[in-house]
Amino acid sequence: LIHRFESKVSAVLYTIYTIKRKYTAADDILLWDREINKCYTDMLNLRRIIESARQRKDYVTVDTRMPRLEIAETKLTFARDKISKIHKTAKYYKIWE
């Protein structure tokens, strides 16, 4: 097991690029998919921390975690856009064949 991909398209595309020995493109897919997974788990964790801090009325923690949550959401959106562009490019060049 190398990596647990977020989508099947990324996993299949990574495999195809590896078989065709286009390691740079395969590494790009792996890089952006890891970034997506990291930002997604960070976002979920930060949301949980913020909710529990609000219940405890610990507003200092809420104030310190909110910018981190926004950064994680922004990075997640950017990474998803990048991987989407890679998928569209592969579809355009008909890598599947």
N, C-alpha and C. Protein backbone atom coordinates (compact mmCIF):
# COMPACT_ATOMS: atom_id res chain seq x y z
N LEU A 1 0.85 -1.18 0.00
CA LEU A 1 0.00 0.00 0.00
C LEU A 1 0.89 1.25 0.00
N ILE A 2 0.72 2.07 -1.00
CA ILE A 2 1.49 3.29 -1.11
C ILE A 2 0.75 4.44 -0.45
N HIS A 3 -0.51 4.56 -0.79
CA HIS A 3 -1.28 5.72 -0.36
C HIS A 3 -2.76 5.41 -0.50
N ARG A 4 -3.57 5.98 0.36
CA ARG A 4 -5.03 5.86 0.23
C ARG A 4 -5.52 7.12 -0.47
N PHE A 5 -5.92 6.94 -1.72
CA PHE A 5 -6.33 8.08 -2.53
C PHE A 5 -7.73 8.53 -2.17
N GLU A 6 -7.97 9.83 -2.39
CA GLU A 6 -9.28 10.40 -2.11
C GLU A 6 -10.31 9.96 -3.15
N SER A 7 -9.89 9.86 -4.39
CA SER A 7 -10.83 9.48 -5.45
C SER A 7 -10.26 8.35 -6.30
N LYS A 8 -11.16 7.63 -6.91
CA LYS A 8 -10.75 6.53 -7.78
C LYS A 8 -10.02 7.04 -9.00
N VAL A 9 -10.43 8.20 -9.50
CA VAL A 9 -9.80 8.77 -10.68
C VAL A 9 -8.31 9.03 -10.42
N SER A 10 -8.02 9.57 -9.27
CA SER A 10 -6.61 9.83 -8.92
C SER A 10 -5.82 8.53 -8.81
N ALA A 11 -6.42 7.52 -8.23
CA ALA A 11 -5.73 6.24 -8.07
C ALA A 11 -5.45 5.60 -9.42
N VAL A 12 -6.44 5.60 -10.30
CA VAL A 12 -6.27 5.01 -11.62
C VAL A 12 -5.26 5.80 -12.44
N LEU A 13 -5.37 7.12 -12.37
CA LEU A 13 -4.44 7.96 -13.12
C LEU A 13 -3.01 7.81 -12.62
N TYR A 14 -2.83 7.69 -11.31
CA TYR A 14 -1.50 7.45 -10.75
C TYR A 14 -0.93 6.13 -11.28
N THR A 15 -1.76 5.11 -11.31
CA THR A 15 -1.32 3.81 -11.80
C THR A 15 -0.94 3.86 -13.27
N ILE A 16 -1.75 4.54 -14.06
CA ILE A 16 -1.47 4.64 -15.50
C ILE A 16 -0.17 5.40 -15.74
N TYR A 17 0.01 6.51 -15.05
CA TYR A 17 1.25 7.27 -15.22
C TYR A 17 2.46 6.46 -14.76
N THR A 18 2.30 5.67 -13.71
CA THR A 18 3.41 4.83 -13.25
C THR A 18 3.74 3.75 -14.27
N ILE A 19 2.71 3.12 -14.84
CA ILE A 19 2.94 2.09 -15.85
C ILE A 19 3.61 2.68 -17.09
N LYS A 20 3.19 3.88 -17.48
CA LYS A 20 3.76 4.53 -18.66
C LYS A 20 5.09 5.22 -18.36
N ARG A 21 5.57 5.08 -17.13
CA ARG A 21 6.84 5.63 -16.67
C ARG A 21 6.90 7.15 -16.75
N LYS A 22 5.77 7.78 -16.47
CA LYS A 22 5.71 9.24 -16.38
C LYS A 22 5.66 9.57 -14.89
N TYR A 23 6.82 9.41 -14.26
CA TYR A 23 6.89 9.49 -12.81
C TYR A 23 6.66 10.91 -12.28
N THR A 24 6.99 11.90 -13.05
CA THR A 24 6.77 13.28 -12.60
C THR A 24 5.29 13.57 -12.44
N ALA A 25 4.51 13.16 -13.43
CA ALA A 25 3.06 13.36 -13.36
C ALA A 25 2.45 12.53 -12.23
N ALA A 26 2.94 11.31 -12.05
CA ALA A 26 2.45 10.45 -10.97
C ALA A 26 2.78 11.05 -9.60
N ASP A 27 3.97 11.62 -9.49
CA ASP A 27 4.35 12.27 -8.22
C ASP A 27 3.51 13.50 -7.93
N ASP A 28 3.14 14.23 -8.99
CA ASP A 28 2.26 15.39 -8.79
C ASP A 28 0.90 14.97 -8.26
N ILE A 29 0.35 13.90 -8.80
CA ILE A 29 -0.94 13.40 -8.32
C ILE A 29 -0.82 12.97 -6.86
N LEU A 30 0.23 12.26 -6.55
CA LEU A 30 0.43 11.81 -5.17
C LEU A 30 0.62 12.99 -4.21
N LEU A 31 1.36 13.99 -4.64
CA LEU A 31 1.61 15.17 -3.82
C LEU A 31 0.30 15.90 -3.50
N TRP A 32 -0.50 16.17 -4.52
CA TRP A 32 -1.73 16.93 -4.31
C TRP A 32 -2.77 16.10 -3.56
N ASP A 33 -2.78 14.80 -3.77
CA ASP A 33 -3.73 13.97 -3.04
C ASP A 33 -3.36 13.89 -1.55
N ARG A 34 -2.09 13.82 -1.26
CA ARG A 34 -1.64 13.86 0.14
C ARG A 34 -2.01 15.19 0.79
N GLU A 35 -1.86 16.26 0.03
CA GLU A 35 -2.22 17.59 0.55
C GLU A 35 -3.72 17.66 0.83
N ILE A 36 -4.53 17.09 -0.05
CA ILE A 36 -5.98 17.06 0.17
C ILE A 36 -6.31 16.29 1.44
N ASN A 37 -5.73 15.12 1.59
CA ASN A 37 -6.00 14.31 2.78
C ASN A 37 -5.55 15.01 4.05
N LYS A 38 -4.39 15.65 4.03
CA LYS A 38 -3.87 16.35 5.20
C LYS A 38 -4.76 17.53 5.57
N CYS A 39 -5.11 18.33 4.60
CA CYS A 39 -5.95 19.51 4.88
C CYS A 39 -7.35 19.11 5.34
N TYR A 40 -7.87 18.03 4.77
CA TYR A 40 -9.21 17.59 5.16
C TYR A 40 -9.23 17.11 6.61
N THR A 41 -8.23 16.33 7.00
CA THR A 41 -8.19 15.87 8.40
C THR A 41 -7.91 17.03 9.35
N ASP A 42 -7.06 17.97 8.94
CA ASP A 42 -6.82 19.16 9.77
C ASP A 42 -8.11 19.95 9.96
N MET A 43 -8.86 20.10 8.89
CA MET A 43 -10.10 20.85 8.95
C MET A 43 -11.11 20.18 9.89
N LEU A 44 -11.24 18.87 9.79
CA LEU A 44 -12.17 18.16 10.67
C LEU A 44 -11.74 18.27 12.13
N ASN A 45 -10.45 18.12 12.37
CA ASN A 45 -9.93 18.21 13.74
C ASN A 45 -10.14 19.61 14.32
N LEU A 46 -9.85 20.63 13.53
CA LEU A 46 -10.02 21.99 14.01
C LEU A 46 -11.48 22.33 14.28
N ARG A 47 -12.38 21.83 13.45
CA ARG A 47 -13.81 22.06 13.69
C ARG A 47 -14.26 21.42 15.00
N ARG A 48 -13.74 20.22 15.26
CA ARG A 48 -14.08 19.53 16.51
C ARG A 48 -13.54 20.29 17.71
N ILE A 49 -12.32 20.78 17.62
CA ILE A 49 -11.72 21.55 18.70
C ILE A 49 -12.51 22.83 18.95
N ILE A 50 -12.89 23.51 17.89
CA ILE A 50 -13.63 24.76 18.03
C ILE A 50 -14.99 24.52 18.67
N GLU A 51 -15.68 23.47 18.25
CA GLU A 51 -16.99 23.17 18.84
C GLU A 51 -16.88 22.84 20.33
N SER A 52 -15.87 22.05 20.69
CA SER A 52 -15.72 21.71 22.11
C SER A 52 -15.29 22.93 22.93
N ALA A 53 -14.50 23.81 22.33
CA ALA A 53 -14.08 25.03 23.04
C ALA A 53 -15.27 25.97 23.22
N ARG A 54 -16.15 26.03 22.25
CA ARG A 54 -17.35 26.86 22.40
C ARG A 54 -18.26 26.33 23.50
N GLN A 55 -18.35 25.02 23.61
CA GLN A 55 -19.17 24.44 24.68
C GLN A 55 -18.59 24.74 26.06
N ARG A 56 -17.25 24.78 26.13
CA ARG A 56 -16.58 25.12 27.39
C ARG A 56 -16.48 26.62 27.62
N LYS A 57 -16.88 27.38 26.60
CA LYS A 57 -16.81 28.85 26.62
C LYS A 57 -15.36 29.33 26.74
N ASP A 58 -14.48 28.63 26.03
CA ASP A 58 -13.06 28.97 25.98
C ASP A 58 -12.82 29.73 24.67
N TYR A 59 -13.07 31.02 24.68
CA TYR A 59 -13.04 31.81 23.46
C TYR A 59 -11.62 32.14 22.99
N VAL A 60 -10.66 31.99 23.85
CA VAL A 60 -9.27 32.19 23.43
C VAL A 60 -8.87 31.08 22.45
N THR A 61 -9.24 29.86 22.78
CA THR A 61 -8.96 28.73 21.88
C THR A 61 -9.70 28.89 20.56
N VAL A 62 -10.95 29.33 20.63
CA VAL A 62 -11.73 29.54 19.41
C VAL A 62 -11.06 30.58 18.53
N ASP A 63 -10.61 31.68 19.13
CA ASP A 63 -9.97 32.74 18.37
C ASP A 63 -8.64 32.32 17.76
N THR A 64 -7.91 31.43 18.43
CA THR A 64 -6.62 30.98 17.88
C THR A 64 -6.79 29.91 16.82
N ARG A 65 -7.86 29.14 16.89
CA ARG A 65 -8.05 28.05 15.93
C ARG A 65 -8.79 28.47 14.66
N MET A 66 -9.57 29.54 14.73
CA MET A 66 -10.33 29.98 13.55
C MET A 66 -9.43 30.34 12.36
N PRO A 67 -8.34 31.09 12.54
CA PRO A 67 -7.47 31.36 11.38
C PRO A 67 -6.84 30.09 10.81
N ARG A 68 -6.50 29.15 11.66
CA ARG A 68 -5.95 27.88 11.18
C ARG A 68 -6.98 27.12 10.36
N LEU A 69 -8.23 27.17 10.80
CA LEU A 69 -9.31 26.51 10.06
C LEU A 69 -9.48 27.15 8.69
N GLU A 70 -9.45 28.46 8.62
CA GLU A 70 -9.57 29.15 7.34
C GLU A 70 -8.42 28.82 6.41
N ILE A 71 -7.22 28.73 6.96
CA ILE A 71 -6.05 28.37 6.15
C ILE A 71 -6.20 26.96 5.61
N ALA A 72 -6.63 26.02 6.45
CA ALA A 72 -6.81 24.63 6.02
C ALA A 72 -7.88 24.54 4.93
N GLU A 73 -8.97 25.29 5.07
CA GLU A 73 -10.02 25.28 4.05
C GLU A 73 -9.52 25.86 2.74
N THR A 74 -8.74 26.92 2.81
CA THR A 74 -8.18 27.53 1.60
C THR A 74 -7.22 26.59 0.89
N LYS A 75 -6.34 25.96 1.67
CA LYS A 75 -5.40 25.00 1.08
C LYS A 75 -6.13 23.81 0.47
N LEU A 76 -7.19 23.35 1.12
CA LEU A 76 -7.97 22.23 0.60
C LEU A 76 -8.62 22.60 -0.73
N THR A 77 -9.18 23.78 -0.81
CA THR A 77 -9.79 24.23 -2.06
C THR A 77 -8.76 24.33 -3.17
N PHE A 78 -7.59 24.88 -2.85
CA PHE A 78 -6.52 25.01 -3.84
C PHE A 78 -6.04 23.65 -4.32
N ALA A 79 -5.85 22.72 -3.40
CA ALA A 79 -5.37 21.38 -3.77
C ALA A 79 -6.40 20.65 -4.62
N ARG A 80 -7.68 20.79 -4.28
CA ARG A 80 -8.72 20.15 -5.08
C ARG A 80 -8.79 20.74 -6.49
N ASP A 81 -8.56 22.04 -6.60
CA ASP A 81 -8.52 22.66 -7.92
C ASP A 81 -7.35 22.13 -8.74
N LYS A 82 -6.19 22.00 -8.11
CA LYS A 82 -5.02 21.50 -8.82
C LYS A 82 -5.21 20.07 -9.32
N ILE A 83 -5.78 19.21 -8.45
CA ILE A 83 -5.96 17.82 -8.86
C ILE A 83 -7.06 17.72 -9.92
N SER A 84 -8.03 18.60 -9.85
CA SER A 84 -9.08 18.63 -10.87
C SER A 84 -8.50 19.02 -12.23
N LYS A 85 -7.56 19.97 -12.23
CA LYS A 85 -6.89 20.35 -13.47
C LYS A 85 -6.08 19.20 -14.04
N ILE A 86 -5.44 18.44 -13.17
CA ILE A 86 -4.66 17.28 -13.63
C ILE A 86 -5.60 16.25 -14.26
N HIS A 87 -6.75 16.02 -13.64
CA HIS A 87 -7.73 15.07 -14.18
C HIS A 87 -8.25 15.53 -15.54
N LYS A 88 -8.56 16.81 -15.66
CA LYS A 88 -9.06 17.34 -16.93
C LYS A 88 -8.01 17.26 -18.03
N THR A 89 -6.76 17.53 -17.67
CA THR A 89 -5.68 17.43 -18.65
C THR A 89 -5.51 15.99 -19.12
N ALA A 90 -5.58 15.05 -18.21
CA ALA A 90 -5.45 13.63 -18.57
C ALA A 90 -6.61 13.20 -19.47
N LYS A 91 -7.78 13.70 -19.19
CA LYS A 91 -8.94 13.36 -20.02
C LYS A 91 -8.79 13.97 -21.41
N TYR A 92 -8.28 15.20 -21.47
CA TYR A 92 -8.09 15.87 -22.75
C TYR A 92 -7.07 15.14 -23.62
N TYR A 93 -5.97 14.69 -23.00
CA TYR A 93 -4.93 13.97 -23.74
C TYR A 93 -5.21 12.48 -23.89
N LYS A 94 -6.35 12.03 -23.39
CA LYS A 94 -6.78 10.62 -23.49
C LYS A 94 -5.70 9.67 -22.98
N ILE A 95 -5.27 9.91 -21.77
CA ILE A 95 -4.25 9.09 -21.12
C ILE A 95 -4.77 7.68 -20.90
N TRP A 96 -6.08 7.53 -20.77
CA TRP A 96 -6.70 6.25 -20.44
C TRP A 96 -6.45 5.20 -21.50
N GLU A 97 -6.18 5.61 -22.72
CA GLU A 97 -6.04 4.64 -23.82
C GLU A 97 -4.64 4.17 -23.98
